[in-house]
Amino acid sequence: MPGTPPPYAAPAASGIKSWAEDDRPREKLMTKGRAALSDAELIAILLGSGTTKLSAVDVGMLMLKGVDNDLNALARESVKQLCRHPGIGPAKAITVVAALELGRRRKEADAAPRTTITCSRDIYQLIRPHLMDLPHEEFWVILLNRANVVMRKTAISRGGVAGTVADPKMIFKEALEQLASSIILVHNHPSGNRNPSAADIQLTKKLKEAGSFLDLPILDHLIYSDQGYYSFADEGML
C-alpha cells in the first residue's frame, strides 16, 4: 500500500550521545577509570564516531570480531586492512595503528632493564649523558619509586652560564603526577666548580622541608660537572 514502510526497514541508529552518560566511553573513563572500559569501548574513543547505523562501540566490536578478539592480531593489521570495516577510513585506521604501536613500544620499554639508585655515583652516571659538555645550567629531577628504581628523569628548567631558576611548584607537581615516592635533585655548574653556592644550599633546604610535608623526601642534590660531582647527601648537607 502507498505510504506503507518496507517490511524490513532498519531501525534508526541509536548514537552514543543518546546513551546514559555513565555508559558513554569517554564519560565512563572519566568517572570509573580506564580499567572499567571494554576493548571495544577503548577503540571507540580512538575512533570518535561510528556510522549512521553503527555506534563507535559497534564498529570497535566488529573490528575485534574480525581478529577473533585478539588485540595482538589487531596490532598486526595494516591501515588498508582496517579500512575494510564499516566507518573506518584512512584517518581512523591510522589513529588505531598509532595507538597500538604505542602499546607495543611501551611493552618493549617495560622489558628493558631499569636503573636502581644505590649511591651518588649511580646518579652521576645516570644524568651524565644529559648534562655533559653543556655551556649553560640546567636543573633536573629524578623520580624514584619505593624501591629506589628510576621512574622518570625530567629537565625542570634551563638557564644561562651563571644559573637557572628551579620552581618548587614544578618540581613537586611532576613528582605528584607521577606518584613518585622520593626525589633526587640535580643541576650542573658549567664552570666546573662543584661547590654549592649559598643559593644552592638555601634551595635544597627549602625543597627538603616541602618534601617532608608532602611525604616526598629529597634523597640527594647532586651538583654535576664534567670532572666530577658534589653530593649533598654524601657531605651530610641533607
Protein backbone atom coordinates (compact mmCIF):
# COMPACT_ATOMS: atom_id res chain seq x y z
CA MET A 1 0.00 0.00 0.00
CA PRO A 2 1.18 3.54 -0.66
CA GLY A 3 2.87 5.05 2.33
CA THR A 4 3.49 1.66 3.99
CA PRO A 5 7.13 1.30 5.13
CA PRO A 6 9.17 -1.60 3.72
CA PRO A 7 8.74 -4.73 5.85
CA TYR A 8 12.46 -5.00 6.56
CA ALA A 9 13.29 -1.33 7.13
CA ALA A 10 16.28 -0.96 9.51
CA PRO A 11 15.54 0.88 12.74
CA ALA A 12 17.04 4.29 13.19
CA ALA A 13 20.55 4.12 14.65
CA SER A 14 20.93 4.91 18.31
CA GLY A 15 24.10 7.01 18.67
CA ILE A 16 26.33 7.14 21.71
CA LYS A 17 25.04 10.62 22.55
CA SER A 18 21.63 9.09 23.30
CA TRP A 19 23.11 6.68 25.85
CA ALA A 20 23.08 7.23 29.58
CA GLU A 21 26.07 9.42 30.41
CA ASP A 22 27.74 6.75 32.56
CA ASP A 23 27.63 4.33 29.60
CA ARG A 24 29.38 6.62 27.13
CA PRO A 25 33.03 5.55 26.72
CA ARG A 26 34.62 8.95 27.37
CA GLU A 27 32.43 9.74 30.37
CA LYS A 28 32.83 6.18 31.67
CA LEU A 29 36.61 6.53 31.56
CA MET A 30 36.44 9.83 33.44
CA THR A 31 34.11 8.56 36.16
CA LYS A 32 35.07 4.89 36.52
CA GLY A 33 38.65 4.75 35.24
CA ARG A 34 40.20 3.19 32.15
CA ALA A 35 40.10 -0.35 33.55
CA ALA A 36 36.29 -0.24 33.52
CA LEU A 37 36.15 0.02 29.71
CA SER A 38 35.97 -2.93 27.35
CA ASP A 39 38.40 -3.22 24.42
CA ALA A 40 35.61 -2.12 22.06
CA GLU A 41 34.91 0.96 24.18
CA LEU A 42 38.58 1.94 24.19
CA ILE A 43 38.69 1.58 20.40
CA ALA A 44 35.51 3.68 20.19
CA ILE A 45 37.30 6.55 21.95
CA LEU A 46 40.04 6.37 19.34
CA LEU A 47 37.51 6.35 16.50
CA GLY A 48 35.47 9.25 17.86
CA SER A 49 32.38 8.37 15.81
CA GLY A 50 30.66 5.50 14.07
CA THR A 51 28.34 5.42 11.06
CA THR A 52 24.71 6.38 10.56
CA LYS A 53 23.71 2.85 11.60
CA LEU A 54 26.53 1.82 13.94
CA SER A 55 27.89 3.50 17.05
CA ALA A 56 31.65 3.81 17.50
CA VAL A 57 31.43 0.94 20.02
CA ASP A 58 29.66 -1.23 17.42
CA VAL A 59 32.45 -0.50 14.94
CA GLY A 60 35.02 -1.37 17.58
CA MET A 61 33.26 -4.67 18.25
CA LEU A 62 33.26 -5.51 14.52
CA MET A 63 36.98 -4.74 14.30
CA LEU A 64 37.68 -7.07 17.21
CA LYS A 65 35.39 -9.77 15.81
CA GLY A 66 37.41 -9.69 12.60
CA VAL A 67 40.51 -10.80 14.53
CA ASP A 68 38.74 -13.16 16.96
CA ASN A 69 39.03 -10.55 19.72
CA ASP A 70 42.84 -10.85 19.65
CA LEU A 71 44.45 -7.44 20.28
CA ASN A 72 47.83 -8.76 19.14
CA ALA A 73 46.29 -9.75 15.82
CA LEU A 74 44.62 -6.35 15.55
CA ALA A 75 48.01 -4.69 16.10
CA ARG A 76 49.36 -6.56 13.07
CA GLU A 77 46.61 -5.20 10.79
CA SER A 78 47.67 -2.63 8.20
CA VAL A 79 45.85 0.62 7.51
CA LYS A 80 44.41 -0.94 4.37
CA GLN A 81 43.16 -3.99 6.27
CA LEU A 82 41.50 -1.86 8.95
CA CYS A 83 39.72 0.19 6.30
CA ARG A 84 37.66 -2.87 5.31
CA HIS A 85 35.47 -2.29 8.34
CA PRO A 86 32.40 -0.05 8.02
CA GLY A 87 33.01 3.51 9.17
CA ILE A 88 36.81 3.14 9.06
CA GLY A 89 38.66 5.42 6.68
CA PRO A 90 42.41 6.03 6.49
CA ALA A 91 42.40 8.69 9.22
CA LYS A 92 40.67 6.46 11.79
CA ALA A 93 42.75 3.45 10.75
CA ILE A 94 45.96 5.44 11.24
CA THR A 95 44.78 6.51 14.71
CA VAL A 96 44.23 2.87 15.73
CA VAL A 97 47.57 1.75 14.26
CA ALA A 98 49.39 4.56 16.09
CA ALA A 99 47.74 3.71 19.42
CA LEU A 100 48.58 0.01 19.13
CA GLU A 101 52.16 0.86 18.15
CA LEU A 102 52.49 2.96 21.30
CA GLY A 103 51.30 -0.05 23.28
CA ARG A 104 53.93 -2.22 21.61
CA ARG A 105 56.68 0.30 22.39
CA ARG A 106 55.54 0.51 25.99
CA LYS A 107 55.81 -3.26 26.28
CA GLU A 108 59.38 -3.05 24.95
CA ALA A 109 60.22 -0.28 27.41
CA ASP A 110 58.86 -2.34 30.32
CA ALA A 111 61.11 -5.20 29.30
CA ALA A 112 64.21 -3.01 29.34
CA PRO A 113 66.37 -3.08 32.49
CA ARG A 114 65.50 -0.32 34.95
CA THR A 115 68.02 1.70 36.90
CA THR A 116 68.17 1.40 40.69
CA ILE A 117 69.87 4.22 42.59
CA THR A 118 72.10 2.93 45.39
CA CYS A 119 74.63 5.77 45.73
CA SER A 120 75.61 9.18 44.40
CA ARG A 121 77.82 7.58 41.71
CA ASP A 122 74.69 5.94 40.23
CA ILE A 123 73.06 9.38 39.98
CA TYR A 124 76.13 10.84 38.29
CA GLN A 125 76.28 8.06 35.70
CA LEU A 126 72.54 8.31 35.02
CA ILE A 127 72.50 12.05 34.43
CA ARG A 128 75.87 12.42 32.71
CA PRO A 129 74.60 11.90 29.12
CA HIS A 130 72.15 14.77 29.62
CA LEU A 131 74.49 17.32 31.19
CA MET A 132 77.87 16.54 29.66
CA ASP A 133 79.58 19.50 27.89
CA LEU A 134 76.65 21.86 28.40
CA PRO A 135 77.61 25.57 28.31
CA HIS A 136 74.57 26.57 30.38
CA GLU A 137 72.92 25.45 33.63
CA GLU A 138 70.02 23.00 33.75
CA PHE A 139 68.00 21.74 36.71
CA TRP A 140 66.73 18.17 36.62
CA VAL A 141 64.69 15.94 38.90
CA ILE A 142 64.92 12.17 39.11
CA LEU A 143 61.78 10.48 40.40
CA LEU A 144 62.03 7.15 42.21
CA ASN A 145 59.59 4.51 43.37
CA ARG A 146 59.70 2.87 46.80
CA ALA A 147 62.46 0.50 45.68
CA ASN A 148 64.62 3.45 44.53
CA VAL A 149 64.08 2.45 40.90
CA VAL A 150 64.12 5.39 38.49
CA MET A 151 60.63 6.19 37.23
CA ARG A 152 61.49 9.30 35.24
CA LYS A 153 64.16 11.96 34.84
CA THR A 154 62.97 15.40 33.74
CA ALA A 155 64.53 18.77 33.00
CA ILE A 156 62.69 21.36 35.08
CA SER A 157 64.48 24.47 33.84
CA ARG A 158 67.29 25.71 31.61
CA GLY A 159 69.20 28.93 32.18
CA GLY A 160 72.41 30.75 31.39
CA VAL A 161 76.03 30.31 32.34
CA ALA A 162 75.52 31.82 35.80
CA GLY A 163 72.42 29.94 36.89
CA THR A 164 68.89 28.71 36.33
CA VAL A 165 65.63 29.02 38.24
CA ALA A 166 64.18 25.90 39.86
CA ASP A 167 60.50 26.38 40.64
CA PRO A 168 59.49 24.19 43.63
CA LYS A 169 55.90 24.06 42.34
CA MET A 170 57.05 22.50 39.07
CA ILE A 171 59.30 20.01 40.86
CA PHE A 172 56.59 18.71 43.18
CA LYS A 173 53.88 18.87 40.52
CA GLU A 174 55.92 16.46 38.40
CA ALA A 175 56.53 14.14 41.37
CA LEU A 176 52.89 14.13 42.48
CA GLU A 177 51.56 13.49 38.98
CA GLN A 178 53.90 10.50 38.57
CA LEU A 179 53.10 9.16 42.09
CA ALA A 180 56.80 9.15 42.93
CA SER A 181 58.00 8.04 46.37
CA SER A 182 61.14 10.18 46.51
CA ILE A 183 63.07 12.79 44.55
CA ILE A 184 66.68 13.44 43.60
CA LEU A 185 67.69 16.94 42.52
CA VAL A 186 70.46 17.55 40.01
CA HIS A 187 71.90 20.67 38.43
CA ASN A 188 75.15 21.37 36.66
CA HIS A 189 77.87 24.00 37.06
CA PRO A 190 79.31 24.73 33.59
CA SER A 191 82.29 26.43 35.25
CA GLY A 192 83.41 23.09 36.67
CA ASN A 193 83.19 24.36 40.28
CA ARG A 194 81.44 21.63 42.21
CA ASN A 195 80.92 23.54 45.47
CA PRO A 196 77.34 24.59 46.26
CA SER A 197 76.52 28.28 46.29
CA ALA A 198 74.54 29.92 49.08
CA ALA A 199 71.53 29.85 46.73
CA ASP A 200 72.02 26.10 46.14
CA ILE A 201 72.07 25.43 49.89
CA GLN A 202 69.02 27.59 50.54
CA LEU A 203 67.03 25.97 47.72
CA THR A 204 67.92 22.48 48.92
CA LYS A 205 66.79 23.29 52.43
CA LYS A 206 63.53 24.77 51.14
CA LEU A 207 62.79 21.74 48.95
CA LYS A 208 63.69 19.30 51.72
CA GLU A 209 61.18 20.97 54.07
CA ALA A 210 58.47 20.96 51.40
CA GLY A 211 59.20 17.32 50.56
CA SER A 212 58.88 16.30 54.20
CA PHE A 213 55.47 17.97 54.37
CA LEU A 214 54.30 16.17 51.19
CA ASP A 215 55.85 12.82 52.17
CA LEU A 216 58.19 13.13 49.17
CA PRO A 217 61.69 13.01 50.66
CA ILE A 218 64.62 14.59 48.83
CA LEU A 219 67.24 11.83 48.82
CA ASP A 220 70.09 13.88 47.34
CA HIS A 221 71.00 17.02 45.47
CA LEU A 222 73.84 16.45 43.04
CA ILE A 223 75.89 19.28 41.57
CA TYR A 224 77.25 17.97 38.29
CA SER A 225 80.43 18.91 36.46
CA ASP A 226 82.25 17.06 33.69
CA GLN A 227 85.14 16.48 36.12
CA GLY A 228 83.06 15.10 38.99
CA TYR A 229 80.23 15.99 41.33
CA TYR A 230 79.16 17.22 44.75
CA SER A 231 76.55 15.21 46.66
CA PHE A 232 74.59 16.95 49.42
CA ALA A 233 73.79 13.53 50.92
CA ASP A 234 77.42 12.37 50.92
CA GLU A 235 78.53 15.63 52.54
CA GLY A 236 75.88 15.47 55.29
CA MET A 237 74.05 18.51 53.92
CA LEU A 238 70.62 16.86 53.81
